[in-house]
N, C-alpha and C. Protein backbone atom coordinates (compact mmCIF):
# COMPACT_ATOMS: atom_id res chain seq x y z
N UNK A 1 104.16 15.02 -22.43
CA UNK A 1 105.11 16.13 -22.50
C UNK A 1 105.96 15.93 -23.75
N UNK A 2 106.11 17.01 -24.52
CA UNK A 2 106.92 16.84 -25.73
C UNK A 2 108.42 16.81 -25.41
N UNK A 3 109.18 16.30 -26.33
CA UNK A 3 110.61 16.07 -26.11
C UNK A 3 111.37 17.36 -25.80
N UNK A 4 111.02 18.45 -26.46
CA UNK A 4 111.72 19.72 -26.21
C UNK A 4 111.53 20.18 -24.77
N UNK A 5 110.31 20.07 -24.28
CA UNK A 5 110.02 20.45 -22.90
C UNK A 5 110.75 19.51 -21.94
N UNK A 6 110.79 18.23 -22.27
CA UNK A 6 111.53 17.27 -21.43
C UNK A 6 112.99 17.66 -21.31
N UNK A 7 113.58 18.06 -22.42
CA UNK A 7 114.99 18.45 -22.41
C UNK A 7 115.22 19.70 -21.56
N UNK A 8 114.31 20.66 -21.66
CA UNK A 8 114.43 21.87 -20.84
C UNK A 8 114.30 21.51 -19.37
N UNK A 9 113.32 20.67 -19.04
CA UNK A 9 113.14 20.23 -17.66
C UNK A 9 114.37 19.50 -17.14
N UNK A 10 114.93 18.66 -17.99
CA UNK A 10 116.13 17.92 -17.59
C UNK A 10 117.28 18.87 -17.31
N UNK A 11 117.48 19.84 -18.19
CA UNK A 11 118.55 20.82 -17.98
C UNK A 11 118.37 21.56 -16.66
N UNK A 12 117.14 22.02 -16.40
CA UNK A 12 116.87 22.76 -15.17
C UNK A 12 117.05 21.87 -13.94
N UNK A 13 116.60 20.63 -14.04
CA UNK A 13 116.72 19.70 -12.91
C UNK A 13 118.17 19.36 -12.59
N UNK A 14 119.00 19.35 -13.60
CA UNK A 14 120.41 18.98 -13.41
C UNK A 14 121.27 20.16 -12.96
N UNK A 15 120.72 21.36 -12.98
CA UNK A 15 121.49 22.55 -12.61
C UNK A 15 120.92 23.18 -11.35
N UNK A 16 121.75 23.27 -10.34
CA UNK A 16 121.29 23.90 -9.11
C UNK A 16 121.93 25.28 -8.92
N UNK A 17 122.58 25.78 -9.95
CA UNK A 17 123.21 27.09 -9.88
C UNK A 17 122.23 28.14 -10.41
N UNK A 18 121.80 29.03 -9.52
CA UNK A 18 120.82 30.05 -9.87
C UNK A 18 121.27 30.93 -11.04
N UNK A 19 122.53 31.29 -11.09
CA UNK A 19 123.03 32.14 -12.17
C UNK A 19 122.96 31.42 -13.51
N UNK A 20 123.29 30.15 -13.54
CA UNK A 20 123.23 29.36 -14.77
C UNK A 20 121.79 29.26 -15.27
N UNK A 21 120.87 29.00 -14.35
CA UNK A 21 119.46 28.89 -14.74
C UNK A 21 118.95 30.23 -15.23
N UNK A 22 119.33 31.31 -14.56
CA UNK A 22 118.90 32.64 -15.00
C UNK A 22 119.44 32.94 -16.40
N UNK A 23 120.70 32.65 -16.63
CA UNK A 23 121.29 32.89 -17.95
C UNK A 23 120.58 32.07 -19.02
N UNK A 24 120.23 30.83 -18.68
CA UNK A 24 119.50 29.97 -19.61
C UNK A 24 118.14 30.60 -19.95
N UNK A 25 117.40 30.98 -18.91
CA UNK A 25 116.08 31.58 -19.14
C UNK A 25 116.20 32.88 -19.94
N UNK A 26 117.19 33.68 -19.59
CA UNK A 26 117.41 34.94 -20.28
C UNK A 26 117.77 34.72 -21.76
N UNK A 27 118.43 33.60 -22.04
CA UNK A 27 118.83 33.29 -23.41
C UNK A 27 117.68 32.77 -24.25
N UNK A 28 116.78 32.02 -23.62
CA UNK A 28 115.71 31.37 -24.38
C UNK A 28 114.43 32.22 -24.43
N UNK A 29 114.27 33.12 -23.46
CA UNK A 29 113.07 33.96 -23.40
C UNK A 29 113.38 35.39 -23.78
N UNK A 30 112.39 36.06 -24.35
CA UNK A 30 112.55 37.49 -24.65
C UNK A 30 112.40 38.28 -23.35
N UNK A 31 112.82 39.54 -23.34
CA UNK A 31 112.61 40.35 -22.13
C UNK A 31 111.13 40.41 -21.73
N UNK A 32 110.25 40.48 -22.70
CA UNK A 32 108.81 40.50 -22.40
C UNK A 32 108.36 39.19 -21.76
N UNK A 33 108.87 38.07 -22.26
CA UNK A 33 108.53 36.76 -21.68
C UNK A 33 109.08 36.63 -20.26
N UNK A 34 110.27 37.17 -20.02
CA UNK A 34 110.83 37.15 -18.66
C UNK A 34 109.95 37.97 -17.72
N UNK A 35 109.51 39.13 -18.19
CA UNK A 35 108.64 39.98 -17.38
C UNK A 35 107.31 39.28 -17.10
N UNK A 36 106.77 38.60 -18.11
CA UNK A 36 105.51 37.87 -17.94
C UNK A 36 105.68 36.74 -16.93
N UNK A 37 106.78 36.01 -17.02
CA UNK A 37 107.05 34.93 -16.07
C UNK A 37 107.12 35.47 -14.65
N UNK A 38 107.83 36.57 -14.48
CA UNK A 38 107.96 37.20 -13.17
C UNK A 38 106.59 37.65 -12.66
N UNK A 39 105.81 38.23 -13.52
CA UNK A 39 104.47 38.70 -13.16
C UNK A 39 103.57 37.55 -12.74
N UNK A 40 103.60 36.45 -13.47
CA UNK A 40 102.77 35.29 -13.12
C UNK A 40 103.16 34.73 -11.75
N UNK A 41 104.44 34.72 -11.46
CA UNK A 41 104.90 34.24 -10.15
C UNK A 41 104.41 35.18 -9.05
N UNK A 42 104.47 36.48 -9.31
CA UNK A 42 103.99 37.46 -8.34
C UNK A 42 102.49 37.28 -8.10
N UNK A 43 101.73 37.03 -9.15
CA UNK A 43 100.29 36.80 -9.04
C UNK A 43 100.02 35.62 -8.11
N UNK A 44 100.70 34.51 -8.35
CA UNK A 44 100.49 33.30 -7.57
C UNK A 44 100.81 33.54 -6.09
N UNK A 45 101.90 34.26 -5.84
CA UNK A 45 102.25 34.55 -4.44
C UNK A 45 101.21 35.42 -3.77
N UNK A 46 100.70 36.41 -4.49
CA UNK A 46 99.68 37.29 -3.92
C UNK A 46 98.38 36.52 -3.68
N UNK A 47 98.00 35.69 -4.62
CA UNK A 47 96.79 34.87 -4.45
C UNK A 47 96.92 33.98 -3.22
N UNK A 48 98.08 33.38 -3.07
CA UNK A 48 98.29 32.48 -1.94
C UNK A 48 98.21 33.21 -0.61
N UNK A 49 98.57 34.48 -0.61
CA UNK A 49 98.47 35.29 0.61
C UNK A 49 97.04 35.78 0.85
N UNK A 50 96.14 35.50 -0.10
CA UNK A 50 94.74 35.88 0.07
C UNK A 50 94.35 37.22 -0.50
N UNK A 51 95.24 37.82 -1.30
CA UNK A 51 94.91 39.10 -1.92
C UNK A 51 93.80 38.86 -2.95
N UNK A 52 92.73 39.67 -2.93
CA UNK A 52 91.64 39.49 -3.89
C UNK A 52 92.10 39.71 -5.34
N UNK A 53 91.50 38.94 -6.24
CA UNK A 53 91.88 39.01 -7.65
C UNK A 53 91.75 40.42 -8.22
N UNK A 54 90.68 41.11 -7.89
CA UNK A 54 90.50 42.47 -8.43
C UNK A 54 91.59 43.43 -7.94
N UNK A 55 92.01 43.25 -6.72
CA UNK A 55 93.08 44.10 -6.18
C UNK A 55 94.40 43.81 -6.91
N UNK A 56 94.66 42.54 -7.16
CA UNK A 56 95.88 42.15 -7.90
C UNK A 56 95.83 42.76 -9.29
N UNK A 57 94.69 42.64 -9.96
CA UNK A 57 94.53 43.18 -11.31
C UNK A 57 94.82 44.67 -11.33
N UNK A 58 94.29 45.38 -10.35
CA UNK A 58 94.49 46.83 -10.28
C UNK A 58 95.95 47.17 -9.99
N UNK A 59 96.54 46.50 -9.01
CA UNK A 59 97.92 46.81 -8.62
C UNK A 59 98.93 46.47 -9.71
N UNK A 60 98.72 45.36 -10.40
CA UNK A 60 99.69 44.91 -11.40
C UNK A 60 99.30 45.28 -12.83
N UNK A 61 98.17 45.95 -12.97
CA UNK A 61 97.68 46.36 -14.29
C UNK A 61 97.55 45.17 -15.24
N UNK A 62 96.83 44.14 -14.75
CA UNK A 62 96.64 42.91 -15.51
C UNK A 62 95.16 42.59 -15.65
N UNK A 63 94.87 41.74 -16.63
CA UNK A 63 93.49 41.29 -16.79
C UNK A 63 93.16 40.23 -15.75
N UNK A 64 91.89 40.12 -15.44
CA UNK A 64 91.45 39.10 -14.49
C UNK A 64 91.69 37.69 -15.03
N UNK A 65 91.70 37.53 -16.36
CA UNK A 65 91.93 36.21 -16.96
C UNK A 65 93.27 35.63 -16.53
N UNK A 66 94.31 36.44 -16.55
CA UNK A 66 95.64 35.95 -16.14
C UNK A 66 95.65 35.57 -14.67
N UNK A 67 94.93 36.31 -13.88
CA UNK A 67 94.90 36.05 -12.45
C UNK A 67 94.06 34.81 -12.15
N UNK A 68 92.95 34.66 -12.86
CA UNK A 68 92.07 33.52 -12.66
C UNK A 68 92.79 32.21 -12.94
N UNK A 69 93.64 32.20 -13.94
CA UNK A 69 94.40 30.98 -14.25
C UNK A 69 95.24 30.56 -13.04
N UNK A 70 95.93 31.49 -12.46
CA UNK A 70 96.75 31.19 -11.29
C UNK A 70 95.90 30.71 -10.12
N UNK A 71 94.76 31.35 -9.95
CA UNK A 71 93.85 30.97 -8.87
C UNK A 71 93.36 29.53 -9.04
N UNK A 72 93.00 29.17 -10.25
CA UNK A 72 92.53 27.80 -10.52
C UNK A 72 93.63 26.78 -10.26
N UNK A 73 94.84 27.11 -10.65
CA UNK A 73 95.96 26.18 -10.44
C UNK A 73 96.24 25.98 -8.95
N UNK A 74 96.14 27.04 -8.17
CA UNK A 74 96.38 26.93 -6.73
C UNK A 74 95.32 26.09 -6.03
N UNK A 75 94.11 26.07 -6.58
CA UNK A 75 93.00 25.33 -5.97
C UNK A 75 93.03 23.84 -6.30
N UNK A 76 93.84 23.45 -7.27
CA UNK A 76 93.90 22.03 -7.65
C UNK A 76 94.47 21.20 -6.51
N UNK A 77 93.96 19.99 -6.40
CA UNK A 77 94.47 19.07 -5.39
C UNK A 77 95.95 18.77 -5.69
N UNK A 78 96.78 18.79 -4.71
CA UNK A 78 98.23 18.56 -4.86
C UNK A 78 98.88 19.53 -5.85
N UNK A 79 98.46 20.78 -5.82
CA UNK A 79 98.97 21.81 -6.73
C UNK A 79 100.48 21.99 -6.57
N UNK A 80 101.19 21.83 -7.66
CA UNK A 80 102.64 22.05 -7.65
C UNK A 80 102.95 23.52 -7.42
N UNK A 81 102.08 24.41 -7.90
CA UNK A 81 102.28 25.84 -7.66
C UNK A 81 102.18 26.15 -6.17
N UNK A 82 101.22 25.55 -5.51
CA UNK A 82 101.04 25.76 -4.07
C UNK A 82 102.29 25.32 -3.32
N UNK A 83 102.82 24.16 -3.71
CA UNK A 83 104.04 23.67 -3.06
C UNK A 83 105.21 24.63 -3.30
N UNK A 84 105.31 25.13 -4.53
CA UNK A 84 106.41 26.03 -4.87
C UNK A 84 106.30 27.35 -4.11
N UNK A 85 105.10 27.91 -4.05
CA UNK A 85 104.89 29.18 -3.37
C UNK A 85 105.20 29.07 -1.89
N UNK A 86 104.79 27.99 -1.28
CA UNK A 86 105.03 27.79 0.15
C UNK A 86 106.52 27.81 0.47
N UNK A 87 107.31 27.43 -0.50
CA UNK A 87 108.76 27.42 -0.30
C UNK A 87 109.35 28.81 -0.11
N UNK A 88 108.68 29.81 -0.66
CA UNK A 88 109.23 31.17 -0.65
C UNK A 88 108.43 32.15 0.19
N UNK A 89 107.46 31.66 0.95
CA UNK A 89 106.68 32.59 1.79
C UNK A 89 106.80 32.22 3.24
């Protein structure tokens, strides 16, 4: 992991205030990047609920490539995404 990413992770880990984290993300990411992040999270949640990839692509107007990435990550042993999604469903 490069040092810049480590610093971002450290900042996020040290802050448990949702508003502070949101402001940080909003400051470092463009509106398009924020929308993409939100979309990727929505994809992962839908995949975890068993929604077919083609249905997700149609509903969210996305390519199957973006959805396949999320699907592969969820299938990994000890997937951190799977743990995260379970927290909110």
